[in-house]
C-alpha atoms as a PDB file:
ATOM      1  CA  MET A   1       0.056  -0.127   0.284  1.00  0.00           C
ATOM      2  CA  ASP A   2       1.511   3.410  -0.857  1.00  0.00           C
ATOM      3  CA  ALA A   3       2.056   6.036   1.903  1.00  0.00           C
ATOM      4  CA  LYS A   4      -0.604   8.896   2.188  1.00  0.00           C
ATOM      5  CA  VAL A   5       0.581  12.156   1.047  1.00  0.00           C
ATOM      6  CA  PRO A   6      -0.185  14.524   3.751  1.00  0.00           C
ATOM      7  CA  ASN A   7      -1.693  17.702   3.132  1.00  0.00           C
ATOM      8  CA  ALA A   8      -0.253  21.054   3.565  1.00  0.00           C
ATOM      9  CA  ARG A   9      -0.264  22.397   6.888  1.00  0.00           C
ATOM     10  CA  SER A  10       1.403  25.806   6.250  1.00  0.00           C
ATOM     11  CA  SER A  11       2.297  27.753   3.223  1.00  0.00           C
ATOM     12  CA  ASN A  12       5.185  27.437   1.174  1.00  0.00           C
ATOM     13  CA  ASP A  13       6.822  30.542   2.660  1.00  0.00           C
ATOM     14  CA  ASP A  14       6.295  28.895   6.325  1.00  0.00           C
ATOM     15  CA  ARG A  15       7.583  25.416   5.292  1.00  0.00           C
ATOM     16  CA  ILE A  16      11.018  27.071   3.152  1.00  0.00           C
ATOM     17  CA  GLY A  17      11.718  29.182   6.182  1.00  0.00           C
ATOM     18  CA  VAL A  18      11.845  26.143   9.037  1.00  0.00           C
ATOM     19  CA  LEU A  19      14.327  24.226   6.228  1.00  0.00           C
ATOM     20  CA  GLU A  20      16.339  26.939   6.077  1.00  0.00           C
ATOM     21  CA  GLU A  21      16.325  27.173   9.521  1.00  0.00           C
ATOM     22  CA  LEU A  22      17.597  24.144  10.044  1.00  0.00           C
ATOM     23  CA  LEU A  23      19.780  24.184   7.505  1.00  0.00           C
ATOM     24  CA  ASN A  24      21.437  27.233   8.795  1.00  0.00           C
ATOM     25  CA  GLU A  25      21.778  26.218  12.250  1.00  0.00           C
ATOM     26  CA  ARG A  26      22.921  22.810  11.894  1.00  0.00           C
ATOM     27  CA  TYR A  27      26.872  22.210  12.047  1.00  0.00           C
ATOM     28  CA  SER A  28      29.316  19.630  13.246  1.00  0.00           C
ATOM     29  CA  VAL A  29      29.268  19.385  16.351  1.00  0.00           C
ATOM     30  CA  ARG A  30      32.779  18.134  17.988  1.00  0.00           C
ATOM     31  CA  ALA A  31      32.104  18.229  21.929  1.00  0.00           C
ATOM     32  CA  PHE A  32      28.951  16.872  23.015  1.00  0.00           C
ATOM     33  CA  LEU A  33      27.087  16.793  27.056  1.00  0.00           C
ATOM     34  CA  PRO A  34      27.522  13.020  27.870  1.00  0.00           C
ATOM     35  CA  LYS A  35      23.654  13.512  28.290  1.00  0.00           C
ATOM     36  CA  GLU A  36      21.698  10.192  26.362  1.00  0.00           C
ATOM     37  CA  VAL A  37      19.115  10.792  24.098  1.00  0.00           C
ATOM     38  CA  ASP A  38      15.750   8.580  24.926  1.00  0.00           C
ATOM     39  CA  ARG A  39      15.160   5.488  22.551  1.00  0.00           C
ATOM     40  CA  ALA A  40      11.883   7.290  21.484  1.00  0.00           C
ATOM     41  CA  THR A  41      13.833  10.416  19.991  1.00  0.00           C
ATOM     42  CA  ILE A  42      16.230   8.687  18.188  1.00  0.00           C
ATOM     43  CA  GLU A  43      13.370   6.642  16.339  1.00  0.00           C
ATOM     44  CA  HIS A  44      11.697   9.764  15.668  1.00  0.00           C
ATOM     45  CA  VAL A  45      15.157  10.738  13.868  1.00  0.00           C
ATOM     46  CA  LEU A  46      15.084   7.452  12.118  1.00  0.00           C
ATOM     47  CA  THR A  47      11.350   7.500  11.024  1.00  0.00           C
ATOM     48  CA  THR A  48      12.010  10.984   9.705  1.00  0.00           C
ATOM     49  CA  ALA A  49      15.058  10.003   7.312  1.00  0.00           C
ATOM     50  CA  GLN A  50      13.837   7.005   5.865  1.00  0.00           C
ATOM     51  CA  ARG A  51      11.777   9.008   4.022  1.00  0.00           C
ATOM     52  CA  THR A  52      15.181   9.863   1.883  1.00  0.00           C
ATOM     53  CA  ALA A  53      14.717   9.414  -1.684  1.00  0.00           C
ATOM     54  CA  SER A  54      16.771   6.489  -3.332  1.00  0.00           C
ATOM     55  CA  TRP A  55      17.361   4.891  -6.814  1.00  0.00           C
ATOM     56  CA  CYS A  56      13.961   2.705  -7.602  1.00  0.00           C
ATOM     57  CA  ASN A  57      13.334   3.196  -3.727  1.00  0.00           C
ATOM     58  CA  SER A  58      16.220   0.527  -3.218  1.00  0.00           C
ATOM     59  CA  GLN A  59      16.484   2.320   0.400  1.00  0.00           C
ATOM     60  CA  PRO A  60      20.097   0.730   0.541  1.00  0.00           C
ATOM     61  CA  TRP A  61      21.130   2.375   4.053  1.00  0.00           C
ATOM     62  CA  GLN A  62      21.402   0.262   7.183  1.00  0.00           C
ATOM     63  CA  VAL A  63      22.259   1.398  10.499  1.00  0.00           C
ATOM     64  CA  VAL A  64      23.954   0.204  13.624  1.00  0.00           C
ATOM     65  CA  ILE A  65      23.591   2.777  16.129  1.00  0.00           C
ATOM     66  CA  ALA A  66      26.078   2.334  19.611  1.00  0.00           C
ATOM     67  CA  SER A  67      24.805   3.524  22.925  1.00  0.00           C
ATOM     68  CA  GLY A  68      25.701   2.942  26.539  1.00  0.00           C
ATOM     69  CA  THR A  69      28.432  -0.134  26.993  1.00  0.00           C
ATOM     70  CA  ALA A  70      28.052  -0.995  23.341  1.00  0.00           C
ATOM     71  CA  LYS A  71      29.138   2.177  22.276  1.00  0.00           C
ATOM     72  CA  GLU A  72      32.134   2.331  24.956  1.00  0.00           C
ATOM     73  CA  ARG A  73      33.529  -0.862  23.920  1.00  0.00           C
ATOM     74  CA  PHE A  74      33.757   0.558  20.292  1.00  0.00           C
ATOM     75  CA  ARG A  75      35.023   3.603  20.670  1.00  0.00           C
ATOM     76  CA  GLN A  76      37.953   1.502  22.686  1.00  0.00           C
ATOM     77  CA  ALA A  77      38.548  -0.840  19.584  1.00  0.00           C
ATOM     78  CA  ILE A  78      38.456   1.876  17.077  1.00  0.00           C
ATOM     79  CA  TYR A  79      40.486   4.174  19.388  1.00  0.00           C
ATOM     80  CA  LYS A  80      43.151   1.798  19.759  1.00  0.00           C
ATOM     81  CA  GLU A  81      43.586   1.004  15.653  1.00  0.00           C
ATOM     82  CA  ALA A  82      43.585   4.392  14.840  1.00  0.00           C
ATOM     83  CA  SER A  83      45.935   5.699  17.723  1.00  0.00           C
ATOM     84  CA  GLY A  84      48.312   2.990  16.894  1.00  0.00           C
ATOM     85  CA  GLY A  85      48.738   4.199  13.101  1.00  0.00           C
ATOM     86  CA  LEU A  86      46.458   1.329  11.855  1.00  0.00           C
ATOM     87  CA  GLY A  87      43.475   1.500   9.271  1.00  0.00           C
ATOM     88  CA  ASP A  88      43.307   3.667   6.245  1.00  0.00           C
ATOM     89  CA  ASP A  89      41.129   1.006   5.093  1.00  0.00           C
ATOM     90  CA  TYR A  90      38.302   2.904   3.288  1.00  0.00           C
ATOM     91  CA  ASP A  91      35.659   0.594   1.414  1.00  0.00           C
ATOM     92  CA  PHE A  92      35.228   4.103  -0.804  1.00  0.00           C
ATOM     93  CA  THR A  93      38.150   5.511  -2.640  1.00  0.00           C
ATOM     94  CA  PRO A  94      38.891   9.041  -0.382  1.00  0.00           C
ATOM     95  CA  PRO A  95      39.458  12.246  -2.156  1.00  0.00           C
ATOM     96  CA  ARG A  96      42.680  11.628  -4.139  1.00  0.00           C
ATOM     97  CA  GLU A  97      43.684  15.326  -4.036  1.00  0.00           C
ATOM     98  CA  TYR A  98      42.514  18.645  -2.446  1.00  0.00           C
ATOM     99  CA  VAL A  99      43.280  21.308  -5.394  1.00  0.00           C
ATOM    100  CA  GLY A 100      42.291  24.921  -6.163  1.00  0.00           C
ATOM    101  CA  VAL A 101      39.071  26.193  -4.720  1.00  0.00           C
ATOM    102  CA  TYR A 102      38.591  22.743  -2.974  1.00  0.00           C
ATOM    103  CA  LEU A 103      41.739  22.873  -0.974  1.00  0.00           C
ATOM    104  CA  GLU A 104      41.040  27.037  -0.010  1.00  0.00           C
ATOM    105  CA  ARG A 105      37.679  25.918   1.323  1.00  0.00           C
ATOM    106  CA  ARG A 106      39.586  22.678   3.529  1.00  0.00           C
ATOM    107  CA  ARG A 107      42.083  24.916   4.334  1.00  0.00           C
ATOM    108  CA  GLU A 108      39.954  27.477   5.789  1.00  0.00           C
ATOM    109  CA  SER A 109      37.636  25.189   7.656  1.00  0.00           C
ATOM    110  CA  GLY A 110      40.747  23.630   9.394  1.00  0.00           C
ATOM    111  CA  PHE A 111      42.202  26.970  10.431  1.00  0.00           C
ATOM    112  CA  GLN A 112      38.628  28.082  11.559  1.00  0.00           C
ATOM    113  CA  LEU A 113      38.807  24.751  13.891  1.00  0.00           C
ATOM    114  CA  TYR A 114      42.589  24.955  15.171  1.00  0.00           C
ATOM    115  CA  ASN A 115      42.138  29.019  16.016  1.00  0.00           C
ATOM    116  CA  THR A 116      39.116  28.366  17.791  1.00  0.00           C
ATOM    117  CA  LEU A 117      41.138  25.698  19.767  1.00  0.00           C
ATOM    118  CA  GLY A 118      44.051  27.590  20.205  1.00  0.00           C
ATOM    119  CA  ILE A 119      46.202  25.274  18.083  1.00  0.00           C
ATOM    120  CA  ALA A 120      48.960  27.136  16.450  1.00  0.00           C
ATOM    121  CA  ARG A 121      49.503  26.449  12.673  1.00  0.00           C
ATOM    122  CA  GLY A 122      51.920  24.320  11.871  1.00  0.00           C
ATOM    123  CA  ASP A 123      51.646  22.396  15.113  1.00  0.00           C
ATOM    124  CA  LYS A 124      51.162  18.675  13.401  1.00  0.00           C
ATOM    125  CA  MET A 125      51.091  16.801  16.764  1.00  0.00           C
ATOM    126  CA  ALA A 126      48.090  18.911  18.056  1.00  0.00           C
ATOM    127  CA  TYR A 127      46.576  18.401  14.660  1.00  0.00           C
ATOM    128  CA  ALA A 128      47.074  15.004  14.812  1.00  0.00           C
ATOM    129  CA  LYS A 129      45.631  15.027  18.731  1.00  0.00           C
ATOM    130  CA  GLN A 130      42.630  16.637  17.632  1.00  0.00           C
ATOM    131  CA  ALA A 131      41.521  14.319  14.575  1.00  0.00           C
ATOM    132  CA  LEU A 132      42.042  11.428  17.239  1.00  0.00           C
ATOM    133  CA  GLU A 133      38.887  12.997  18.512  1.00  0.00           C
ATOM    134  CA  ASN A 134      37.084  11.614  16.059  1.00  0.00           C
ATOM    135  CA  TYR A 135      37.418   8.018  17.684  1.00  0.00           C
ATOM    136  CA  ASN A 136      36.182   9.058  20.896  1.00  0.00           C
ATOM    137  CA  PHE A 137      33.280  10.448  18.782  1.00  0.00           C
ATOM    138  CA  PHE A 138      34.056  13.966  20.355  1.00  0.00           C
ATOM    139  CA  GLY A 139      32.407  12.717  23.665  1.00  0.00           C
ATOM    140  CA  ALA A 140      28.922  11.847  21.966  1.00  0.00           C
ATOM    141  CA  PRO A 141      26.742   9.510  24.064  1.00  0.00           C
ATOM    142  CA  HIS A 142      25.854   7.805  20.570  1.00  0.00           C
ATOM    143  CA  VAL A 143      27.168   6.652  17.322  1.00  0.00           C
ATOM    144  CA  ALA A 144      25.393   5.619  14.141  1.00  0.00           C
ATOM    145  CA  ILE A 145      27.430   3.698  11.445  1.00  0.00           C
ATOM    146  CA  ILE A 146      25.854   3.689   8.052  1.00  0.00           C
ATOM    147  CA  HIS A 147      26.300   1.184   5.669  1.00  0.00           C
ATOM    148  CA  THR A 148      24.964  -0.321   2.268  1.00  0.00           C
ATOM    149  CA  ASN A 149      25.313  -3.374  -0.145  1.00  0.00           C
ATOM    150  CA  GLU A 150      28.452  -3.796  -2.199  1.00  0.00           C
ATOM    151  CA  PRO A 151      26.689  -4.648  -5.722  1.00  0.00           C
ATOM    152  CA  LEU A 152      24.741  -1.116  -5.225  1.00  0.00           C
ATOM    153  CA  GLY A 153      28.133   0.287  -5.842  1.00  0.00           C
ATOM    154  CA  ILE A 154      28.552   4.072  -5.788  1.00  0.00           C
ATOM    155  CA  TYR A 155      24.963   5.138  -6.307  1.00  0.00           C
ATOM    156  CA  GLY A 156      24.154   3.210  -3.362  1.00  0.00           C
ATOM    157  CA  ALA A 157      26.556   5.327  -1.456  1.00  0.00           C
ATOM    158  CA  ILE A 158      25.209   8.500  -2.961  1.00  0.00           C
ATOM    159  CA  ASP A 159      21.847   7.655  -1.499  1.00  0.00           C
ATOM    160  CA  CYS A 160      23.527   6.859   1.960  1.00  0.00           C
ATOM    161  CA  GLY A 161      24.598  10.108   1.715  1.00  0.00           C
ATOM    162  CA  ALA A 162      21.191  11.907   1.399  1.00  0.00           C
ATOM    163  CA  TYR A 163      20.040   9.708   4.524  1.00  0.00           C
ATOM    164  CA  VAL A 164      22.914  11.321   5.954  1.00  0.00           C
ATOM    165  CA  SER A 165      21.682  14.678   5.667  1.00  0.00           C
ATOM    166  CA  ASN A 166      17.912  14.156   6.156  1.00  0.00           C
ATOM    167  CA  PHE A 167      19.318  12.187   9.589  1.00  0.00           C
ATOM    168  CA  MET A 168      21.108  15.118  10.884  1.00  0.00           C
ATOM    169  CA  LEU A 169      18.386  17.782   9.532  1.00  0.00           C
ATOM    170  CA  ALA A 170      15.872  15.823  11.714  1.00  0.00           C
ATOM    171  CA  ALA A 171      18.218  15.517  14.651  1.00  0.00           C
ATOM    172  CA  GLN A 172      18.627  19.304  14.576  1.00  0.00           C
ATOM    173  CA  ALA A 173      14.395  19.607  14.196  1.00  0.00           C
ATOM    174  CA  LEU A 174      14.726  17.915  17.534  1.00  0.00           C
ATOM    175  CA  GLY A 175      17.264  19.480  19.049  1.00  0.00           C
ATOM    176  CA  LEU A 176      19.918  17.197  18.597  1.00  0.00           C
ATOM    177  CA  GLY A 177      23.939  17.972  17.652  1.00  0.00           C
ATOM    178  CA  THR A 178      25.492  15.466  15.087  1.00  0.00           C
ATOM    179  CA  ILE A 179      28.706  15.435  13.057  1.00  0.00           C
ATOM    180  CA  PRO A 180      29.407  12.999  10.030  1.00  0.00           C
ATOM    181  CA  GLN A 181      32.560  11.336  10.131  1.00  0.00           C
ATOM    182  CA  ALA A 182      34.251   9.380   6.915  1.00  0.00           C
ATOM    183  CA  ALA A 183      37.374   9.282   9.410  1.00  0.00           C
ATOM    184  CA  LEU A 184      35.030   5.872  10.991  1.00  0.00           C
ATOM    185  CA  ALA A 185      34.861   4.468   7.599  1.00  0.00           C
ATOM    186  CA  ARG A 186      38.614   4.671   7.521  1.00  0.00           C
ATOM    187  CA  HIS A 187      38.421   1.563   9.631  1.00  0.00           C
ATOM    188  CA  SER A 188      35.789  -0.861   7.855  1.00  0.00           C
ATOM    189  CA  SER A 189      37.106  -3.941   8.799  1.00  0.00           C
ATOM    190  CA  LEU A 190      37.425  -3.232  11.888  1.00  0.00           C
ATOM    191  CA  ILE A 191      33.906  -2.134  11.864  1.00  0.00           C
ATOM    192  CA  ARG A 192      32.260  -5.125   9.900  1.00  0.00           C
ATOM    193  CA  ARG A 193      34.210  -7.315  12.620  1.00  0.00           C
ATOM    194  CA  HIS A 194      33.242  -5.611  15.755  1.00  0.00           C
ATOM    195  CA  PHE A 195      28.950  -5.281  14.744  1.00  0.00           C
ATOM    196  CA  ASN A 196      29.094  -8.789  12.760  1.00  0.00           C
ATOM    197  CA  LEU A 197      28.169  -7.469   9.250  1.00  0.00           C
ATOM    198  CA  PRO A 198      28.710  -9.537   6.636  1.00  0.00           C
ATOM    199  CA  GLU A 199      31.330  -9.469   4.232  1.00  0.00           C
ATOM    200  CA  ASP A 200      29.231  -7.558   1.297  1.00  0.00           C
ATOM    201  CA  ARG A 201      28.584  -4.534   3.758  1.00  0.00           C
ATOM    202  CA  ARG A 202      30.262  -1.795   2.549  1.00  0.00           C
ATOM    203  CA  VAL A 203      31.118   1.005   5.393  1.00  0.00           C
ATOM    204  CA  VAL A 204      30.171   4.559   4.202  1.00  0.00           C
ATOM    205  CA  CYS A 205      30.399   6.885   7.290  1.00  0.00           C
ATOM    206  CA  GLY A 206      29.458   7.363  11.140  1.00  0.00           C
ATOM    207  CA  ILE A 207      27.842   9.973  12.704  1.00  0.00           C
ATOM    208  CA  SER A 208      28.364  10.547  16.038  1.00  0.00           C
ATOM    209  CA  PHE A 209      25.457  12.475  17.804  1.00  0.00           C
ATOM    210  CA  GLY A 210      23.695  13.816  21.146  1.00  0.00           C
ATOM    211  CA  TYR A 211      23.006  17.236  22.918  1.00  0.00           C
ATOM    212  CA  ALA A 212      25.663  19.673  22.016  1.00  0.00           C
ATOM    213  CA  ASP A 213      28.187  21.259  24.467  1.00  0.00           C
ATOM    214  CA  HIS A 214      27.227  24.764  23.381  1.00  0.00           C
ATOM    215  CA  ALA A 215      29.437  25.890  26.190  1.00  0.00           C
ATOM    216  CA  HIS A 216      32.226  24.500  24.406  1.00  0.00           C
ATOM    217  CA  LYS A 217      34.541  26.734  22.328  1.00  0.00           C
ATOM    218  CA  VAL A 218      34.935  24.635  19.920  1.00  0.00           C
ATOM    219  CA  ASN A 219      31.307  24.808  19.009  1.00  0.00           C
ATOM    220  CA  SER A 220      31.645  28.645  18.676  1.00  0.00           C
ATOM    221  CA  TYR A 221      32.812  28.582  15.015  1.00  0.00           C
ATOM    222  CA  ARG A 222      30.842  28.304  11.856  1.00  0.00           C
ATOM    223  CA  THR A 223      32.049  27.610   8.286  1.00  0.00           C
ATOM    224  CA  SER A 224      31.268  29.627   5.277  1.00  0.00           C
ATOM    225  CA  ARG A 225      29.483  28.374   1.932  1.00  0.00           C
ATOM    226  CA  ALA A 226      30.238  28.844  -1.446  1.00  0.00           C
ATOM    227  CA  ASN A 227      27.795  31.814  -3.189  1.00  0.00           C
ATOM    228  CA  VAL A 228      25.236  29.868  -5.994  1.00  0.00           C
ATOM    229  CA  ALA A 229      26.733  31.585  -8.418  1.00  0.00           C
ATOM    230  CA  ASP A 230      30.071  29.763  -7.932  1.00  0.00           C
ATOM    231  CA  THR A 231      28.636  26.047  -8.122  1.00  0.00           C
ATOM    232  CA  VAL A 232      25.933  26.496 -10.663  1.00  0.00           C
ATOM    233  CA  ALA A 233      25.500  26.988 -14.184  1.00  0.00           C
ATOM    234  CA  PHE A 234      22.019  27.874 -15.800  1.00  0.00           C
ATOM    235  CA  VAL A 235      21.922  26.948 -19.248  1.00  0.00           C
ATOM    236  CA  ASP A 236      18.878  28.772 -21.335  1.00  0.00           C
ATOM    237  CA  GLU A 237      19.355  28.463 -25.018  1.00  0.00           C
END
C-alpha cells in the first residue's frame, strides 16, 4: 500500500523558512554533553530520515546505532586501532587530492577549527591529537554507522549520503547535535568485525550524535558556504 501524501499544513513560505532555519543552524558538533538521548527521540530521527529518496526506492542504507556500554566497547576498539597508526581501510576511495578552490575551502575550515582551539598553525602533533577525537566520537553518547550493499556501488553510497543529510536535519529539528564522520569509515574492516556485519557490507561513514555542549569553544565557529554563482551554471539556450 502506498503511503498517504500529507496535506500541506502551512504556506510554502513557512515551510521553506523552517528548512532554511534547520540548514543554517546545523553545524558539525565537536563537543557533546554526556546526557543520553531517549530511544523514542532516536527512533523519531530514524523514522523521519527513512523518507529519504533513493534510486528505484532501493533504500540501500543500513544503520547500526551504538549506545551505552556497546558504544564504549566500540570506542575503545576503534581508538586503539587509530591511535596505533592502523586503519586506512576505506571501502570507498577517499579524495585523491584537494586542489584549487576545494583545497582553499578545506584549509579555511581546518584553520577555523585550530584557531578556535588555540592550536598554532603547523603544530602537527596538536593536529593529530585533535584528529584522534573522531575516535572518541567527540564525547557523544551515541554513534551511528551507515553501511550499504556492495553490489549497489557508488550510487548506493550516494543514496546513503542523502540519508545522512536528512538524519542530521531531523536530529537538528529535535534539538540534537550531529557530526558526520568519514574518519570512522577508514576502519571498515574493524567495523565489520566488531558489529558482525556481512562481508558484502560497505561502510559509508559514521554519525556521532547527542546534545551539543554549547559552552565548549569548539562549537562556537561556523564554516562558510560558496555563493550559488560559484557552483551553478544556468543554461537557457
